[in-house]
Amino acid sequence: APPRTPAPMVARLQQAVAAAVAVPEVRERLAVLGADPVADTPAEFAAFCGREYARWGKLVRDAQVKLD
């Protein structure tokens, strides 16, 4: 959700995503697409994004990747 989205709306969205990911057909379709669905809490997802940013950001900086 965008920054400053009200916490109740974020919680509602997370619950809906968790419910969808729990459906076997949805999980199978996501797997076919190469996705590894998880139904983390907003705090867990924020921590994951921080770790990924640090990981891939370092790689991009070290490789001096530039946008064309």
N, C-alpha and C. Protein backbone atom coordinates (compact mmCIF):
# COMPACT_ATOMS: atom_id res chain seq x y z
N ALA A 1 0.85 -1.18 0.00
CA ALA A 1 0.00 0.00 0.00
C ALA A 1 0.89 1.24 0.00
N PRO A 2 0.37 2.33 -0.48
CA PRO A 2 1.15 3.57 -0.48
C PRO A 2 1.49 4.02 0.94
N PRO A 3 2.54 4.81 1.07
CA PRO A 3 2.86 5.35 2.40
C PRO A 3 1.66 6.09 3.00
N ARG A 4 1.57 6.05 4.29
CA ARG A 4 0.52 6.72 5.06
C ARG A 4 -0.87 6.12 4.85
N THR A 5 -0.94 4.92 4.29
CA THR A 5 -2.22 4.23 4.22
C THR A 5 -2.63 3.90 5.66
N PRO A 6 -3.86 4.16 6.04
CA PRO A 6 -4.28 3.89 7.41
C PRO A 6 -4.07 2.42 7.79
N ALA A 7 -3.59 2.20 9.02
CA ALA A 7 -3.29 0.84 9.50
C ALA A 7 -4.47 -0.12 9.35
N PRO A 8 -5.71 0.30 9.65
CA PRO A 8 -6.83 -0.64 9.47
C PRO A 8 -6.99 -1.10 8.02
N MET A 9 -6.71 -0.21 7.07
CA MET A 9 -6.81 -0.59 5.65
C MET A 9 -5.69 -1.55 5.28
N VAL A 10 -4.48 -1.32 5.79
CA VAL A 10 -3.36 -2.23 5.54
C VAL A 10 -3.67 -3.60 6.11
N ALA A 11 -4.21 -3.64 7.32
CA ALA A 11 -4.56 -4.92 7.95
C ALA A 11 -5.62 -5.65 7.14
N ARG A 12 -6.60 -4.92 6.65
CA ARG A 12 -7.66 -5.53 5.84
C ARG A 12 -7.09 -6.10 4.54
N LEU A 13 -6.21 -5.36 3.91
CA LEU A 13 -5.57 -5.82 2.68
C LEU A 13 -4.73 -7.06 2.95
N GLN A 14 -3.98 -7.06 4.04
CA GLN A 14 -3.14 -8.22 4.39
C GLN A 14 -4.00 -9.45 4.63
N GLN A 15 -5.12 -9.29 5.30
CA GLN A 15 -6.02 -10.42 5.54
C GLN A 15 -6.57 -10.97 4.23
N ALA A 16 -6.91 -10.10 3.30
CA ALA A 16 -7.43 -10.54 2.01
C ALA A 16 -6.36 -11.29 1.22
N VAL A 17 -5.14 -10.78 1.24
CA VAL A 17 -4.05 -11.45 0.53
C VAL A 17 -3.77 -12.81 1.17
N ALA A 18 -3.75 -12.87 2.49
CA ALA A 18 -3.51 -14.14 3.19
C ALA A 18 -4.58 -15.15 2.84
N ALA A 19 -5.83 -14.71 2.76
CA ALA A 19 -6.93 -15.62 2.41
C ALA A 19 -6.76 -16.12 0.98
N ALA A 20 -6.38 -15.24 0.07
CA ALA A 20 -6.19 -15.65 -1.33
C ALA A 20 -5.04 -16.63 -1.46
N VAL A 21 -3.95 -16.36 -0.78
CA VAL A 21 -2.77 -17.23 -0.86
C VAL A 21 -3.04 -18.60 -0.25
N ALA A 22 -4.02 -18.69 0.63
CA ALA A 22 -4.37 -19.97 1.25
C ALA A 22 -5.14 -20.89 0.31
N VAL A 23 -5.65 -20.36 -0.79
CA VAL A 23 -6.41 -21.16 -1.75
C VAL A 23 -5.42 -21.95 -2.61
N PRO A 24 -5.55 -23.28 -2.61
CA PRO A 24 -4.58 -24.11 -3.36
C PRO A 24 -4.43 -23.72 -4.83
N GLU A 25 -5.53 -23.40 -5.49
CA GLU A 25 -5.46 -23.05 -6.91
C GLU A 25 -4.65 -21.77 -7.12
N VAL A 26 -4.80 -20.83 -6.21
CA VAL A 26 -4.03 -19.58 -6.30
C VAL A 26 -2.55 -19.87 -6.09
N ARG A 27 -2.23 -20.67 -5.08
CA ARG A 27 -0.83 -21.03 -4.82
C ARG A 27 -0.21 -21.73 -6.03
N GLU A 28 -0.98 -22.65 -6.64
CA GLU A 28 -0.47 -23.37 -7.82
C GLU A 28 -0.19 -22.41 -8.97
N ARG A 29 -1.12 -21.50 -9.21
CA ARG A 29 -0.95 -20.54 -10.31
C ARG A 29 0.26 -19.64 -10.06
N LEU A 30 0.40 -19.19 -8.83
CA LEU A 30 1.56 -18.36 -8.50
C LEU A 30 2.86 -19.14 -8.67
N ALA A 31 2.84 -20.42 -8.30
CA ALA A 31 4.03 -21.26 -8.46
C ALA A 31 4.41 -21.40 -9.93
N VAL A 32 3.41 -21.56 -10.79
CA VAL A 32 3.66 -21.65 -12.23
C VAL A 32 4.33 -20.37 -12.74
N LEU A 33 3.96 -19.25 -12.14
CA LEU A 33 4.54 -17.97 -12.53
C LEU A 33 5.90 -17.70 -11.88
N GLY A 34 6.34 -18.64 -11.04
CA GLY A 34 7.63 -18.49 -10.38
C GLY A 34 7.57 -17.69 -9.09
N ALA A 35 6.38 -17.44 -8.60
CA ALA A 35 6.23 -16.67 -7.36
C ALA A 35 6.22 -17.61 -6.17
N ASP A 36 6.74 -17.13 -5.07
CA ASP A 36 6.74 -17.87 -3.82
C ASP A 36 5.88 -17.09 -2.83
N PRO A 37 4.58 -17.32 -2.85
CA PRO A 37 3.69 -16.48 -2.05
C PRO A 37 3.86 -16.69 -0.55
N VAL A 38 3.81 -15.60 0.16
CA VAL A 38 3.83 -15.62 1.62
C VAL A 38 2.75 -14.66 2.11
N ALA A 39 2.27 -14.91 3.28
CA ALA A 39 1.23 -14.05 3.85
C ALA A 39 1.76 -13.43 5.14
N ASP A 40 2.85 -12.69 5.02
CA ASP A 40 3.47 -12.06 6.17
C ASP A 40 2.61 -10.91 6.70
N THR A 41 2.92 -10.52 7.91
CA THR A 41 2.32 -9.30 8.46
C THR A 41 2.97 -8.11 7.77
N PRO A 42 2.35 -6.94 7.85
CA PRO A 42 2.98 -5.76 7.26
C PRO A 42 4.39 -5.50 7.81
N ALA A 43 4.59 -5.72 9.09
CA ALA A 43 5.93 -5.50 9.67
C ALA A 43 6.94 -6.50 9.12
N GLU A 44 6.54 -7.76 8.97
CA GLU A 44 7.44 -8.77 8.42
C GLU A 44 7.77 -8.45 6.96
N PHE A 45 6.77 -7.98 6.21
CA PHE A 45 7.01 -7.64 4.81
C PHE A 45 7.95 -6.43 4.71
N ALA A 46 7.77 -5.45 5.58
CA ALA A 46 8.66 -4.28 5.58
C ALA A 46 10.10 -4.71 5.88
N ALA A 47 10.27 -5.62 6.82
CA ALA A 47 11.61 -6.11 7.15
C ALA A 47 12.21 -6.85 5.96
N PHE A 48 11.41 -7.67 5.28
CA PHE A 48 11.86 -8.40 4.09
C PHE A 48 12.30 -7.40 3.01
N CYS A 49 11.50 -6.38 2.78
CA CYS A 49 11.85 -5.38 1.76
C CYS A 49 13.15 -4.68 2.11
N GLY A 50 13.35 -4.38 3.39
CA GLY A 50 14.59 -3.75 3.82
C GLY A 50 15.80 -4.64 3.55
N ARG A 51 15.66 -5.93 3.85
CA ARG A 51 16.76 -6.87 3.59
C ARG A 51 17.04 -6.98 2.10
N GLU A 52 15.99 -7.06 1.29
CA GLU A 52 16.17 -7.18 -0.16
C GLU A 52 16.80 -5.91 -0.74
N TYR A 53 16.38 -4.76 -0.24
CA TYR A 53 16.95 -3.50 -0.71
C TYR A 53 18.45 -3.46 -0.41
N ALA A 54 18.80 -3.85 0.79
CA ALA A 54 20.22 -3.86 1.17
C ALA A 54 20.99 -4.85 0.30
N ARG A 55 20.43 -6.02 0.11
CA ARG A 55 21.11 -7.07 -0.66
C ARG A 55 21.29 -6.66 -2.12
N TRP A 56 20.20 -6.31 -2.77
CA TRP A 56 20.28 -6.00 -4.20
C TRP A 56 20.88 -4.62 -4.45
N GLY A 57 20.67 -3.69 -3.53
CA GLY A 57 21.27 -2.37 -3.68
C GLY A 57 22.78 -2.45 -3.70
N LYS A 58 23.35 -3.25 -2.82
CA LYS A 58 24.80 -3.44 -2.79
C LYS A 58 25.28 -4.04 -4.11
N LEU A 59 24.58 -5.04 -4.60
CA LEU A 59 24.95 -5.67 -5.86
C LEU A 59 24.92 -4.66 -7.00
N VAL A 60 23.88 -3.87 -7.06
CA VAL A 60 23.75 -2.87 -8.13
C VAL A 60 24.86 -1.83 -8.02
N ARG A 61 25.14 -1.37 -6.80
CA ARG A 61 26.22 -0.38 -6.63
C ARG A 61 27.58 -0.99 -6.98
N ASP A 62 27.85 -2.20 -6.49
CA ASP A 62 29.14 -2.84 -6.75
C ASP A 62 29.35 -3.10 -8.24
N ALA A 63 28.27 -3.46 -8.94
CA ALA A 63 28.35 -3.74 -10.37
C ALA A 63 28.24 -2.46 -11.20
N GLN A 64 28.00 -1.35 -10.54
CA GLN A 64 27.85 -0.05 -11.20
C GLN A 64 26.79 -0.09 -12.30
N VAL A 65 25.68 -0.73 -11.98
CA VAL A 65 24.56 -0.82 -12.92
C VAL A 65 23.95 0.57 -13.07
N LYS A 66 23.70 0.97 -14.29
CA LYS A 66 23.11 2.28 -14.59
C LYS A 66 21.90 2.09 -15.50
N LEU A 67 20.92 2.97 -15.34
CA LEU A 67 19.76 2.96 -16.23
C LEU A 67 20.12 3.64 -17.53
N ASP A 68 19.62 3.12 -18.62
CA ASP A 68 19.85 3.77 -19.92
C ASP A 68 18.74 4.74 -20.21
